[in-house]
Amino acid sequence: MSKQAVILIVDDDPDERAGLKTLLELKDLKVLEAENAEQCLNLLENQHPDLLILDIMMERKNSGFELVYQLHKDPELKKIPIILLSNLPNLVSELNPEKEERYLPVVKFFAKPIAPELLYQEIERILGISLS
């Protein structure tokens, strides 16, 4: 039996975290939560999630971007794949992580709200698992 995938949701909006947590738990994924960058970093001292789902705008407008760059500086933490979420659809359409990896070291960038099936497909692709 394979181990249960662990996903860390980092978002300052408790409703967004709760919604994502519900979607992920429906697929038997283990969910950790942090409401800001500081909580995320503290949690990562003892936890090793398989994936981060990260909001861009939290305590400050660019908190998510700042956290991504901070994680990317750490040799171990930079191995954790990151999905960025944003309430700004225009920003999502302008940024392409595949083309701008050295500027934006994340695997995917989605506008909120994200369609559950799209999220599930991306998790399957990133983690190489089946959520069926």
N, C-alpha and C. Protein backbone atom coordinates (compact mmCIF):
# COMPACT_ATOMS: atom_id res chain seq x y z
N MET A 1 0.85 -1.19 0.00
CA MET A 1 0.00 0.00 0.00
C MET A 1 0.88 1.24 0.00
N SER A 2 0.60 2.21 -0.86
CA SER A 2 1.41 3.41 -0.94
C SER A 2 1.00 4.40 0.15
N LYS A 3 1.93 5.29 0.47
CA LYS A 3 1.65 6.26 1.52
C LYS A 3 0.67 7.32 1.02
N GLN A 4 -0.06 7.87 1.95
CA GLN A 4 -1.04 8.90 1.62
C GLN A 4 -0.30 10.20 1.28
N ALA A 5 -0.64 10.82 0.16
CA ALA A 5 -0.01 12.08 -0.22
C ALA A 5 -0.42 13.18 0.75
N VAL A 6 0.55 14.04 1.07
CA VAL A 6 0.31 15.15 2.01
C VAL A 6 0.42 16.46 1.25
N ILE A 7 -0.61 17.29 1.39
CA ILE A 7 -0.65 18.57 0.70
C ILE A 7 -0.81 19.68 1.73
N LEU A 8 0.03 20.70 1.60
CA LEU A 8 -0.03 21.87 2.48
C LEU A 8 -0.71 23.01 1.74
N ILE A 9 -1.81 23.49 2.32
CA ILE A 9 -2.53 24.65 1.78
C ILE A 9 -2.10 25.87 2.56
N VAL A 10 -1.65 26.91 1.86
CA VAL A 10 -1.25 28.16 2.51
C VAL A 10 -2.11 29.27 1.93
N ASP A 11 -3.04 29.77 2.76
CA ASP A 11 -3.97 30.81 2.33
C ASP A 11 -4.50 31.52 3.56
N ASP A 12 -4.55 32.83 3.51
CA ASP A 12 -5.02 33.60 4.67
C ASP A 12 -6.55 33.60 4.80
N ASP A 13 -7.25 33.14 3.78
CA ASP A 13 -8.71 33.11 3.81
C ASP A 13 -9.17 31.76 4.33
N PRO A 14 -9.78 31.73 5.53
CA PRO A 14 -10.20 30.44 6.10
C PRO A 14 -11.23 29.71 5.24
N ASP A 15 -12.08 30.45 4.53
CA ASP A 15 -13.06 29.80 3.66
C ASP A 15 -12.39 29.12 2.48
N GLU A 16 -11.38 29.78 1.90
CA GLU A 16 -10.62 29.16 0.79
C GLU A 16 -9.92 27.89 1.26
N ARG A 17 -9.27 27.98 2.43
CA ARG A 17 -8.59 26.79 2.97
C ARG A 17 -9.57 25.66 3.21
N ALA A 18 -10.72 25.99 3.80
CA ALA A 18 -11.72 24.95 4.11
C ALA A 18 -12.24 24.30 2.83
N GLY A 19 -12.49 25.12 1.81
CA GLY A 19 -12.98 24.57 0.54
C GLY A 19 -11.97 23.64 -0.11
N LEU A 20 -10.72 24.08 -0.16
CA LEU A 20 -9.67 23.24 -0.74
C LEU A 20 -9.47 21.98 0.09
N LYS A 21 -9.47 22.13 1.40
CA LYS A 21 -9.29 20.97 2.28
C LYS A 21 -10.37 19.92 2.02
N THR A 22 -11.61 20.37 1.90
CA THR A 22 -12.72 19.45 1.63
C THR A 22 -12.51 18.72 0.31
N LEU A 23 -12.14 19.46 -0.74
CA LEU A 23 -11.90 18.83 -2.05
C LEU A 23 -10.79 17.79 -1.98
N LEU A 24 -9.74 18.11 -1.27
CA LEU A 24 -8.60 17.19 -1.20
C LEU A 24 -8.90 15.98 -0.34
N GLU A 25 -9.60 16.19 0.75
CA GLU A 25 -9.94 15.06 1.63
C GLU A 25 -10.93 14.11 0.97
N LEU A 26 -11.75 14.62 0.04
CA LEU A 26 -12.65 13.74 -0.71
C LEU A 26 -11.87 12.70 -1.51
N LYS A 27 -10.65 13.03 -1.85
CA LYS A 27 -9.78 12.12 -2.61
C LYS A 27 -8.76 11.42 -1.72
N ASP A 28 -9.04 11.42 -0.42
CA ASP A 28 -8.21 10.72 0.57
C ASP A 28 -6.78 11.25 0.63
N LEU A 29 -6.62 12.56 0.45
CA LEU A 29 -5.32 13.19 0.60
C LEU A 29 -5.23 13.77 2.01
N LYS A 30 -4.06 13.72 2.60
CA LYS A 30 -3.85 14.32 3.91
C LYS A 30 -3.57 15.80 3.71
N VAL A 31 -4.22 16.65 4.49
CA VAL A 31 -4.12 18.09 4.30
C VAL A 31 -3.54 18.76 5.55
N LEU A 32 -2.54 19.60 5.33
CA LEU A 32 -2.00 20.47 6.36
C LEU A 32 -2.39 21.89 5.97
N GLU A 33 -2.51 22.77 6.96
CA GLU A 33 -2.92 24.14 6.67
C GLU A 33 -2.02 25.16 7.35
N ALA A 34 -1.80 26.28 6.65
CA ALA A 34 -1.11 27.43 7.22
C ALA A 34 -1.84 28.67 6.70
N GLU A 35 -1.96 29.68 7.54
CA GLU A 35 -2.69 30.88 7.10
C GLU A 35 -1.79 32.00 6.60
N ASN A 36 -0.47 31.80 6.71
CA ASN A 36 0.44 32.83 6.19
C ASN A 36 1.82 32.21 5.97
N ALA A 37 2.73 33.02 5.43
CA ALA A 37 4.07 32.53 5.10
C ALA A 37 4.82 32.08 6.35
N GLU A 38 4.71 32.81 7.43
CA GLU A 38 5.42 32.46 8.66
C GLU A 38 4.96 31.10 9.19
N GLN A 39 3.65 30.90 9.23
CA GLN A 39 3.12 29.60 9.68
C GLN A 39 3.61 28.47 8.76
N CYS A 40 3.63 28.75 7.48
CA CYS A 40 4.10 27.75 6.52
C CYS A 40 5.54 27.35 6.81
N LEU A 41 6.40 28.33 6.97
CA LEU A 41 7.81 28.04 7.24
C LEU A 41 7.99 27.29 8.55
N ASN A 42 7.24 27.67 9.58
CA ASN A 42 7.31 26.96 10.86
C ASN A 42 6.87 25.51 10.70
N LEU A 43 5.81 25.30 9.96
CA LEU A 43 5.29 23.95 9.74
C LEU A 43 6.29 23.10 8.97
N LEU A 44 6.96 23.72 8.01
CA LEU A 44 7.91 22.98 7.18
C LEU A 44 9.18 22.57 7.93
N GLU A 45 9.38 23.09 9.13
CA GLU A 45 10.51 22.65 9.95
C GLU A 45 10.34 21.20 10.38
N ASN A 46 9.07 20.77 10.53
CA ASN A 46 8.80 19.41 11.03
C ASN A 46 7.99 18.55 10.08
N GLN A 47 7.36 19.14 9.11
CA GLN A 47 6.50 18.42 8.17
C GLN A 47 7.14 18.44 6.78
N HIS A 48 6.85 17.41 6.01
CA HIS A 48 7.42 17.32 4.66
C HIS A 48 6.31 16.97 3.66
N PRO A 49 5.51 17.98 3.30
CA PRO A 49 4.42 17.70 2.36
C PRO A 49 4.94 17.34 0.98
N ASP A 50 4.07 16.66 0.23
CA ASP A 50 4.41 16.29 -1.14
C ASP A 50 4.14 17.42 -2.12
N LEU A 51 3.29 18.37 -1.71
CA LEU A 51 2.86 19.45 -2.59
C LEU A 51 2.39 20.63 -1.75
N LEU A 52 2.67 21.85 -2.23
CA LEU A 52 2.14 23.07 -1.62
C LEU A 52 1.14 23.70 -2.57
N ILE A 53 0.00 24.12 -2.03
CA ILE A 53 -0.96 24.93 -2.78
C ILE A 53 -0.97 26.27 -2.08
N LEU A 54 -0.53 27.30 -2.78
CA LEU A 54 -0.18 28.57 -2.17
C LEU A 54 -0.91 29.74 -2.80
N ASP A 55 -1.54 30.56 -1.96
CA ASP A 55 -2.17 31.79 -2.41
C ASP A 55 -1.09 32.85 -2.61
N ILE A 56 -1.29 33.73 -3.57
CA ILE A 56 -0.31 34.80 -3.82
C ILE A 56 -0.46 35.92 -2.81
N MET A 57 -1.68 36.43 -2.67
CA MET A 57 -1.89 37.60 -1.81
C MET A 57 -2.41 37.16 -0.44
N MET A 58 -1.53 37.29 0.55
CA MET A 58 -1.92 36.94 1.91
C MET A 58 -1.73 38.18 2.78
N GLU A 59 -0.80 38.12 3.74
CA GLU A 59 -0.64 39.26 4.63
C GLU A 59 -0.16 40.51 3.90
N ARG A 60 0.55 40.31 2.82
CA ARG A 60 0.95 41.41 1.94
C ARG A 60 0.63 41.01 0.50
N LYS A 61 0.57 41.98 -0.36
CA LYS A 61 0.17 41.75 -1.75
C LYS A 61 0.99 40.66 -2.44
N ASN A 62 2.29 40.61 -2.16
CA ASN A 62 3.18 39.65 -2.83
C ASN A 62 3.68 38.55 -1.91
N SER A 63 2.99 38.30 -0.82
CA SER A 63 3.47 37.31 0.16
C SER A 63 3.72 35.95 -0.46
N GLY A 64 2.84 35.51 -1.34
CA GLY A 64 3.00 34.20 -1.96
C GLY A 64 4.25 34.12 -2.81
N PHE A 65 4.49 35.16 -3.61
CA PHE A 65 5.71 35.19 -4.43
C PHE A 65 6.95 35.18 -3.53
N GLU A 66 6.92 35.99 -2.47
CA GLU A 66 8.07 36.06 -1.56
C GLU A 66 8.33 34.70 -0.93
N LEU A 67 7.27 34.01 -0.55
CA LEU A 67 7.43 32.69 0.05
C LEU A 67 8.02 31.69 -0.95
N VAL A 68 7.56 31.74 -2.18
CA VAL A 68 8.09 30.85 -3.22
C VAL A 68 9.60 31.05 -3.35
N TYR A 69 10.06 32.29 -3.41
CA TYR A 69 11.48 32.56 -3.56
C TYR A 69 12.27 32.13 -2.32
N GLN A 70 11.67 32.32 -1.15
CA GLN A 70 12.32 31.90 0.09
C GLN A 70 12.47 30.37 0.12
N LEU A 71 11.42 29.66 -0.25
CA LEU A 71 11.48 28.20 -0.29
C LEU A 71 12.50 27.73 -1.31
N HIS A 72 12.57 28.43 -2.43
CA HIS A 72 13.46 28.02 -3.52
C HIS A 72 14.95 28.17 -3.15
N LYS A 73 15.25 28.97 -2.16
CA LYS A 73 16.64 29.14 -1.72
C LYS A 73 17.12 27.97 -0.87
N ASP A 74 16.18 27.20 -0.30
CA ASP A 74 16.53 26.08 0.57
C ASP A 74 16.66 24.80 -0.27
N PRO A 75 17.80 24.10 -0.18
CA PRO A 75 18.01 22.92 -1.03
C PRO A 75 16.96 21.82 -0.86
N GLU A 76 16.43 21.66 0.34
CA GLU A 76 15.41 20.63 0.56
C GLU A 76 14.01 21.13 0.22
N LEU A 77 13.68 22.33 0.67
CA LEU A 77 12.33 22.86 0.45
C LEU A 77 12.04 23.14 -1.01
N LYS A 78 13.07 23.44 -1.78
CA LYS A 78 12.84 23.74 -3.20
C LYS A 78 12.41 22.51 -3.99
N LYS A 79 12.54 21.33 -3.38
CA LYS A 79 12.10 20.09 -4.03
C LYS A 79 10.58 19.92 -3.97
N ILE A 80 9.92 20.67 -3.10
CA ILE A 80 8.46 20.53 -2.96
C ILE A 80 7.78 21.28 -4.11
N PRO A 81 7.00 20.59 -4.92
CA PRO A 81 6.30 21.29 -6.01
C PRO A 81 5.25 22.25 -5.44
N ILE A 82 5.06 23.36 -6.17
CA ILE A 82 4.14 24.41 -5.72
C ILE A 82 3.13 24.73 -6.81
N ILE A 83 1.86 24.78 -6.40
CA ILE A 83 0.79 25.33 -7.25
C ILE A 83 0.43 26.67 -6.65
N LEU A 84 0.48 27.73 -7.46
CA LEU A 84 0.09 29.06 -7.01
C LEU A 84 -1.35 29.34 -7.41
N LEU A 85 -2.09 29.97 -6.50
CA LEU A 85 -3.47 30.37 -6.77
C LEU A 85 -3.59 31.88 -6.65
N SER A 86 -4.46 32.46 -7.48
CA SER A 86 -4.65 33.90 -7.44
C SER A 86 -6.10 34.27 -7.74
N ASN A 87 -6.55 35.34 -7.10
CA ASN A 87 -7.86 35.91 -7.41
C ASN A 87 -7.79 36.85 -8.61
N LEU A 88 -6.62 36.97 -9.20
CA LEU A 88 -6.42 37.89 -10.32
C LEU A 88 -6.26 37.12 -11.62
N PRO A 89 -7.37 36.85 -12.33
CA PRO A 89 -7.29 36.04 -13.55
C PRO A 89 -6.35 36.61 -14.61
N ASN A 90 -6.23 37.92 -14.70
CA ASN A 90 -5.33 38.51 -15.70
C ASN A 90 -3.88 38.13 -15.42
N LEU A 91 -3.52 38.14 -14.15
CA LEU A 91 -2.17 37.76 -13.76
C LEU A 91 -1.90 36.31 -14.13
N VAL A 92 -2.86 35.46 -13.89
CA VAL A 92 -2.72 34.03 -14.20
C VAL A 92 -2.49 33.83 -15.69
N SER A 93 -3.21 34.56 -16.52
CA SER A 93 -3.06 34.38 -17.97
C SER A 93 -1.74 34.93 -18.48
N GLU A 94 -1.14 35.88 -17.75
CA GLU A 94 0.13 36.47 -18.19
C GLU A 94 1.35 35.65 -17.79
N LEU A 95 1.25 34.90 -16.70
CA LEU A 95 2.40 34.16 -16.19
C LEU A 95 2.33 32.69 -16.61
N ASN A 96 3.42 32.19 -17.12
CA ASN A 96 3.50 30.80 -17.53
C ASN A 96 4.71 30.17 -16.85
N PRO A 97 4.47 29.38 -15.78
CA PRO A 97 5.60 28.79 -15.06
C PRO A 97 6.52 27.93 -15.92
N GLU A 98 5.96 27.29 -16.94
CA GLU A 98 6.80 26.45 -17.80
C GLU A 98 7.83 27.29 -18.55
N LYS A 99 7.47 28.50 -18.93
CA LYS A 99 8.38 29.36 -19.68
C LYS A 99 9.24 30.23 -18.76
N GLU A 100 8.78 30.49 -17.55
CA GLU A 100 9.46 31.44 -16.67
C GLU A 100 9.94 30.80 -15.39
N GLU A 101 10.39 29.55 -15.47
CA GLU A 101 10.73 28.80 -14.26
C GLU A 101 11.78 29.51 -13.41
N ARG A 102 12.78 30.11 -14.03
CA ARG A 102 13.81 30.73 -13.19
C ARG A 102 13.29 31.99 -12.51
N TYR A 103 12.24 32.60 -13.04
CA TYR A 103 11.65 33.76 -12.40
C TYR A 103 10.52 33.37 -11.45
N LEU A 104 9.83 32.30 -11.79
CA LEU A 104 8.68 31.86 -11.01
C LEU A 104 8.77 30.34 -10.83
N PRO A 105 9.52 29.89 -9.82
CA PRO A 105 9.76 28.45 -9.66
C PRO A 105 8.57 27.69 -9.07
N VAL A 106 7.49 27.62 -9.83
CA VAL A 106 6.30 26.86 -9.44
C VAL A 106 5.91 25.96 -10.61
N VAL A 107 5.10 24.92 -10.32
CA VAL A 107 4.74 24.01 -11.39
C VAL A 107 3.46 24.42 -12.11
N LYS A 108 2.59 25.16 -11.43
CA LYS A 108 1.34 25.56 -12.07
C LYS A 108 0.79 26.80 -11.39
N PHE A 109 0.00 27.55 -12.15
CA PHE A 109 -0.56 28.80 -11.68
C PHE A 109 -2.02 28.82 -12.11
N PHE A 110 -2.95 28.88 -11.14
CA PHE A 110 -4.38 28.85 -11.43
C PHE A 110 -5.10 30.06 -10.84
N ALA A 111 -6.17 30.45 -11.51
CA ALA A 111 -7.07 31.47 -10.97
C ALA A 111 -8.05 30.80 -10.02
N LYS A 112 -8.43 31.55 -8.99
CA LYS A 112 -9.48 31.08 -8.07
C LYS A 112 -10.82 31.51 -8.62
N PRO A 113 -11.86 30.78 -8.38
CA PRO A 113 -11.85 29.43 -7.80
C PRO A 113 -11.42 28.43 -8.86
N ILE A 114 -10.72 27.41 -8.41
CA ILE A 114 -10.24 26.38 -9.34
C ILE A 114 -11.28 25.27 -9.44
N ALA A 115 -11.51 24.78 -10.64
CA ALA A 115 -12.44 23.67 -10.84
C ALA A 115 -11.84 22.42 -10.21
N PRO A 116 -12.63 21.70 -9.41
CA PRO A 116 -12.10 20.51 -8.73
C PRO A 116 -11.41 19.52 -9.66
N GLU A 117 -12.02 19.21 -10.81
CA GLU A 117 -11.41 18.23 -11.71
C GLU A 117 -10.05 18.70 -12.24
N LEU A 118 -9.93 19.99 -12.49
CA LEU A 118 -8.66 20.53 -12.95
C LEU A 118 -7.60 20.40 -11.86
N LEU A 119 -7.97 20.69 -10.63
CA LEU A 119 -7.06 20.54 -9.51
C LEU A 119 -6.64 19.08 -9.35
N TYR A 120 -7.60 18.17 -9.41
CA TYR A 120 -7.29 16.74 -9.27
C TYR A 120 -6.34 16.27 -10.37
N GLN A 121 -6.60 16.68 -11.61
CA GLN A 121 -5.73 16.30 -12.73
C GLN A 121 -4.30 16.78 -12.51
N GLU A 122 -4.19 18.01 -12.03
CA GLU A 122 -2.86 18.58 -11.83
C GLU A 122 -2.13 17.87 -10.69
N ILE A 123 -2.83 17.54 -9.62
CA ILE A 123 -2.22 16.80 -8.51
C ILE A 123 -1.75 15.43 -8.99
N GLU A 124 -2.59 14.76 -9.78
CA GLU A 124 -2.20 13.45 -10.33
C GLU A 124 -0.94 13.57 -11.17
N ARG A 125 -0.89 14.59 -12.02
CA ARG A 125 0.26 14.80 -12.90
C ARG A 125 1.52 15.09 -12.10
N ILE A 126 1.42 16.01 -11.15
CA ILE A 126 2.59 16.44 -10.38
C ILE A 126 3.13 15.31 -9.49
N LEU A 127 2.22 14.63 -8.82
CA LEU A 127 2.64 13.61 -7.85
C LEU A 127 2.74 12.20 -8.45
N GLY A 128 2.26 12.05 -9.68
CA GLY A 128 2.31 10.73 -10.31
C GLY A 128 1.44 9.71 -9.60
N ILE A 129 0.27 10.15 -9.17
CA ILE A 129 -0.66 9.27 -8.46
C ILE A 129 -2.01 9.27 -9.17
N SER A 130 -2.87 8.34 -8.78
CA SER A 130 -4.23 8.30 -9.30
C SER A 130 -5.18 8.63 -8.17
N LEU A 131 -6.09 9.55 -8.41
CA LEU A 131 -7.07 9.95 -7.39
C LEU A 131 -8.44 9.35 -7.66
N SER A 132 -8.51 8.40 -8.57
CA SER A 132 -9.80 7.80 -8.93
C SER A 132 -10.40 7.03 -7.78
